[in-house]
Amino acid sequence: MPAPATEPAAGAFLDSNVVLYLLSADDAKADAAEALLRQRPVISVQVLNEVTLVCRRKLGMPWEEIQDFLAMVRSLCTVVPLTQTIHDNARRLAQQYGLAFYDACIAAAALDAGCVTLYSEDMHHGLVLDKATAVRNPFVR
């Protein structure tokens, strides 16, 4: 069973895939995601957008249920906006590190917010972005 990340979440940023594990039947991953959310991490509007899309399209959740879920997530996180600067930096990160563009948007927001850790299951575990933000998969030992 994967252990939740042991690093403090202060300065932590969560990718949408981590947030979505709150809805998972995989108890270990759901518990790890919940533990990170209890530590009040940072997310971006991009994360909210991606979570909304998955909740609606893949999980078939009704809008009211999505609204309630997002309200709970937002109450536990600091939400940062998307900006032109983040967009520009995302293009650079995508090219420099070979990230998918939407992953690069998440990474750029984490860098802009000054987060030292970006928790993601989709990006390269151990990658350090601009010598400032380390990508960590919270579900690996």
C-alpha atoms as a PDB file:
ATOM      1  CA  MET A   1       0.000   0.000   0.000  1.00  0.00           C
ATOM      2  CA  PRO A   2       1.526   3.347  -1.007  1.00  0.00           C
ATOM      3  CA  ALA A   3       2.249   5.702   1.830  1.00  0.00           C
ATOM      4  CA  PRO A   4       1.203   9.319   1.638  1.00  0.00           C
ATOM      5  CA  ALA A   5       3.981  11.746   0.938  1.00  0.00           C
ATOM      6  CA  THR A   6       5.934  12.518   4.074  1.00  0.00           C
ATOM      7  CA  GLU A   7       7.038  16.007   3.051  1.00  0.00           C
ATOM      8  CA  PRO A   8       5.022  18.836   4.529  1.00  0.00           C
ATOM      9  CA  ALA A   9       2.500  20.235   2.072  1.00  0.00           C
ATOM     10  CA  ALA A  10       3.469  23.830   2.893  1.00  0.00           C
ATOM     11  CA  GLY A  11       4.666  25.016  -0.451  1.00  0.00           C
ATOM     12  CA  ALA A  12       2.976  22.042  -2.127  1.00  0.00           C
ATOM     13  CA  PHE A  13       0.920  22.151  -5.298  1.00  0.00           C
ATOM     14  CA  LEU A  14      -1.525  19.422  -6.342  1.00  0.00           C
ATOM     15  CA  ASP A  15      -2.170  18.297  -9.892  1.00  0.00           C
ATOM     16  CA  SER A  16      -5.737  17.451 -10.889  1.00  0.00           C
ATOM     17  CA  ASN A  17      -5.038  13.707 -10.890  1.00  0.00           C
ATOM     18  CA  VAL A  18      -4.224  13.841  -7.175  1.00  0.00           C
ATOM     19  CA  VAL A  19      -7.411  15.789  -6.397  1.00  0.00           C
ATOM     20  CA  LEU A  20      -9.485  13.314  -8.420  1.00  0.00           C
ATOM     21  CA  TYR A  21      -8.263  10.417  -6.268  1.00  0.00           C
ATOM     22  CA  LEU A  22     -10.530  11.785  -3.545  1.00  0.00           C
ATOM     23  CA  LEU A  23     -13.326  10.200  -5.602  1.00  0.00           C
ATOM     24  CA  SER A  24     -11.495   6.921  -6.169  1.00  0.00           C
ATOM     25  CA  ALA A  25     -12.416   3.457  -5.001  1.00  0.00           C
ATOM     26  CA  ASP A  26      -8.677   2.945  -4.425  1.00  0.00           C
ATOM     27  CA  ASP A  27      -8.679   3.578  -0.676  1.00  0.00           C
ATOM     28  CA  ALA A  28      -4.896   3.951  -0.367  1.00  0.00           C
ATOM     29  CA  LYS A  29      -4.721   6.628  -3.054  1.00  0.00           C
ATOM     30  CA  ALA A  30      -7.864   8.356  -1.800  1.00  0.00           C
ATOM     31  CA  ASP A  31      -6.377   8.445   1.711  1.00  0.00           C
ATOM     32  CA  ALA A  32      -3.067   9.836   0.407  1.00  0.00           C
ATOM     33  CA  ALA A  33      -4.889  12.556  -1.555  1.00  0.00           C
ATOM     34  CA  GLU A  34      -6.999  13.412   1.492  1.00  0.00           C
ATOM     35  CA  ALA A  35      -3.902  13.689   3.677  1.00  0.00           C
ATOM     36  CA  LEU A  36      -2.367  16.157   1.222  1.00  0.00           C
ATOM     37  CA  LEU A  37      -5.553  18.223   1.062  1.00  0.00           C
ATOM     38  CA  ARG A  38      -5.728  18.440   4.855  1.00  0.00           C
ATOM     39  CA  GLN A  39      -2.370  20.222   4.703  1.00  0.00           C
ATOM     40  CA  ARG A  40      -3.899  23.058   2.645  1.00  0.00           C
ATOM     41  CA  PRO A  41      -1.917  22.926  -0.606  1.00  0.00           C
ATOM     42  CA  VAL A  42      -2.049  25.219  -3.627  1.00  0.00           C
ATOM     43  CA  ILE A  43      -3.984  24.443  -6.814  1.00  0.00           C
ATOM     44  CA  SER A  44      -4.691  26.516  -9.893  1.00  0.00           C
ATOM     45  CA  VAL A  45      -7.799  27.316 -11.851  1.00  0.00           C
ATOM     46  CA  GLN A  46      -6.388  24.847 -14.416  1.00  0.00           C
ATOM     47  CA  VAL A  47      -6.749  22.092 -11.790  1.00  0.00           C
ATOM     48  CA  LEU A  48     -10.359  23.116 -11.151  1.00  0.00           C
ATOM     49  CA  ASN A  49     -11.047  23.044 -14.899  1.00  0.00           C
ATOM     50  CA  GLU A  50      -9.533  19.596 -15.374  1.00  0.00           C
ATOM     51  CA  VAL A  51     -11.332  18.171 -12.335  1.00  0.00           C
ATOM     52  CA  THR A  52     -14.628  19.583 -13.600  1.00  0.00           C
ATOM     53  CA  LEU A  53     -14.120  18.014 -17.023  1.00  0.00           C
ATOM     54  CA  VAL A  54     -13.316  14.571 -15.592  1.00  0.00           C
ATOM     55  CA  CYS A  55     -16.173  14.705 -13.088  1.00  0.00           C
ATOM     56  CA  ARG A  56     -18.655  15.548 -15.804  1.00  0.00           C
ATOM     57  CA  ARG A  57     -17.376  13.634 -18.829  1.00  0.00           C
ATOM     58  CA  LYS A  58     -15.767  10.527 -17.350  1.00  0.00           C
ATOM     59  CA  LEU A  59     -17.600  10.129 -14.053  1.00  0.00           C
ATOM     60  CA  GLY A  60     -20.966  11.442 -15.237  1.00  0.00           C
ATOM     61  CA  MET A  61     -21.505  13.447 -12.081  1.00  0.00           C
ATOM     62  CA  PRO A  62     -24.429  15.892 -12.011  1.00  0.00           C
ATOM     63  CA  TRP A  63     -23.504  19.596 -11.973  1.00  0.00           C
ATOM     64  CA  GLU A  64     -24.698  20.110  -8.404  1.00  0.00           C
ATOM     65  CA  GLU A  65     -22.487  17.287  -7.151  1.00  0.00           C
ATOM     66  CA  ILE A  66     -19.517  18.714  -9.071  1.00  0.00           C
ATOM     67  CA  GLN A  67     -20.197  22.120  -7.531  1.00  0.00           C
ATOM     68  CA  ASP A  68     -20.240  20.620  -4.026  1.00  0.00           C
ATOM     69  CA  PHE A  69     -17.050  18.655  -4.645  1.00  0.00           C
ATOM     70  CA  LEU A  70     -15.221  21.709  -6.011  1.00  0.00           C
ATOM     71  CA  ALA A  71     -16.440  23.844  -3.107  1.00  0.00           C
ATOM     72  CA  MET A  72     -14.948  21.333  -0.682  1.00  0.00           C
ATOM     73  CA  VAL A  73     -11.646  21.259  -2.583  1.00  0.00           C
ATOM     74  CA  ARG A  74     -11.515  25.054  -2.801  1.00  0.00           C
ATOM     75  CA  SER A  75     -12.156  25.363   0.935  1.00  0.00           C
ATOM     76  CA  LEU A  76      -9.010  23.330   1.617  1.00  0.00           C
ATOM     77  CA  CYS A  77      -6.688  24.859  -0.966  1.00  0.00           C
ATOM     78  CA  THR A  78      -5.258  28.155  -2.025  1.00  0.00           C
ATOM     79  CA  VAL A  79      -6.418  28.657  -5.615  1.00  0.00           C
ATOM     80  CA  VAL A  80      -4.155  30.661  -7.910  1.00  0.00           C
ATOM     81  CA  PRO A  81      -5.305  32.155 -11.214  1.00  0.00           C
ATOM     82  CA  LEU A  82      -3.982  31.484 -14.680  1.00  0.00           C
ATOM     83  CA  THR A  83      -2.146  34.446 -16.158  1.00  0.00           C
ATOM     84  CA  GLN A  84      -0.388  35.324 -19.381  1.00  0.00           C
ATOM     85  CA  THR A  85       2.913  34.936 -17.548  1.00  0.00           C
ATOM     86  CA  ILE A  86       1.980  31.404 -16.481  1.00  0.00           C
ATOM     87  CA  HIS A  87       0.911  30.617 -20.054  1.00  0.00           C
ATOM     88  CA  ASP A  88       4.202  31.903 -21.456  1.00  0.00           C
ATOM     89  CA  ASN A  89       6.203  29.999 -18.852  1.00  0.00           C
ATOM     90  CA  ALA A  90       4.166  26.846 -19.581  1.00  0.00           C
ATOM     91  CA  ARG A  91       5.184  26.966 -23.242  1.00  0.00           C
ATOM     92  CA  ARG A  92       8.826  27.224 -22.178  1.00  0.00           C
ATOM     93  CA  LEU A  93       8.501  24.366 -19.669  1.00  0.00           C
ATOM     94  CA  ALA A  94       6.763  22.150 -22.224  1.00  0.00           C
ATOM     95  CA  GLN A  95       9.621  22.667 -24.653  1.00  0.00           C
ATOM     96  CA  GLN A  96      12.437  22.504 -22.098  1.00  0.00           C
ATOM     97  CA  TYR A  97      11.240  19.463 -20.144  1.00  0.00           C
ATOM     98  CA  GLY A  98       9.127  17.655 -22.751  1.00  0.00           C
ATOM     99  CA  LEU A  99       5.912  18.113 -20.777  1.00  0.00           C
ATOM    100  CA  ALA A 100       2.460  17.971 -22.285  1.00  0.00           C
ATOM    101  CA  PHE A 101       1.176  21.533 -22.525  1.00  0.00           C
ATOM    102  CA  TYR A 102      -1.584  21.221 -19.910  1.00  0.00           C
ATOM    103  CA  ASP A 103       0.863  19.552 -17.526  1.00  0.00           C
ATOM    104  CA  ALA A 104       3.231  22.435 -18.207  1.00  0.00           C
ATOM    105  CA  CYS A 105       0.426  24.876 -17.258  1.00  0.00           C
ATOM    106  CA  ILE A 106       0.162  23.125 -13.895  1.00  0.00           C
ATOM    107  CA  ALA A 107       3.946  23.172 -13.481  1.00  0.00           C
ATOM    108  CA  ALA A 108       4.174  26.864 -14.392  1.00  0.00           C
ATOM    109  CA  ALA A 109       1.469  27.730 -11.859  1.00  0.00           C
ATOM    110  CA  ALA A 110       3.331  25.757  -9.177  1.00  0.00           C
ATOM    111  CA  LEU A 111       6.549  27.626  -9.963  1.00  0.00           C
ATOM    112  CA  ASP A 112       4.761  30.971 -10.013  1.00  0.00           C
ATOM    113  CA  ALA A 113       3.204  30.223  -6.610  1.00  0.00           C
ATOM    114  CA  GLY A 114       6.640  29.438  -5.159  1.00  0.00           C
ATOM    115  CA  CYS A 115       5.779  25.821  -4.375  1.00  0.00           C
ATOM    116  CA  VAL A 116       8.727  23.548  -3.671  1.00  0.00           C
ATOM    117  CA  THR A 117       6.781  20.361  -4.456  1.00  0.00           C
ATOM    118  CA  LEU A 118       4.346  19.554  -7.239  1.00  0.00           C
ATOM    119  CA  TYR A 119       2.419  16.371  -6.474  1.00  0.00           C
ATOM    120  CA  SER A 120       1.420  14.613  -9.684  1.00  0.00           C
ATOM    121  CA  GLU A 121       0.941  11.067 -10.832  1.00  0.00           C
ATOM    122  CA  ASP A 122       1.265  12.074 -14.509  1.00  0.00           C
ATOM    123  CA  MET A 123       4.594  13.893 -14.598  1.00  0.00           C
ATOM    124  CA  HIS A 124       8.122  12.570 -14.181  1.00  0.00           C
ATOM    125  CA  HIS A 125       8.658  11.649 -10.511  1.00  0.00           C
ATOM    126  CA  GLY A 126      11.873  13.291  -9.323  1.00  0.00           C
ATOM    127  CA  LEU A 127      12.032  15.947 -12.042  1.00  0.00           C
ATOM    128  CA  VAL A 128      13.143  19.311 -10.665  1.00  0.00           C
ATOM    129  CA  LEU A 129      11.771  22.277 -12.580  1.00  0.00           C
ATOM    130  CA  ASP A 130      14.008  25.333 -12.818  1.00  0.00           C
ATOM    131  CA  LYS A 131      15.940  24.197  -9.725  1.00  0.00           C
ATOM    132  CA  ALA A 132      12.912  25.248  -7.673  1.00  0.00           C
ATOM    133  CA  THR A 133       9.974  22.820  -7.807  1.00  0.00           C
ATOM    134  CA  ALA A 134      10.315  19.053  -7.511  1.00  0.00           C
ATOM    135  CA  VAL A 135       7.723  16.766  -9.061  1.00  0.00           C
ATOM    136  CA  ARG A 136       6.710  13.975  -6.695  1.00  0.00           C
ATOM    137  CA  ASN A 137       4.288  11.129  -7.199  1.00  0.00           C
ATOM    138  CA  PRO A 138       2.565  10.890  -3.812  1.00  0.00           C
ATOM    139  CA  PHE A 139       1.612   7.268  -4.475  1.00  0.00           C
ATOM    140  CA  VAL A 140       5.116   5.792  -4.815  1.00  0.00           C
ATOM    141  CA  ARG A 141       7.322   4.670  -1.979  1.00  0.00           C
END
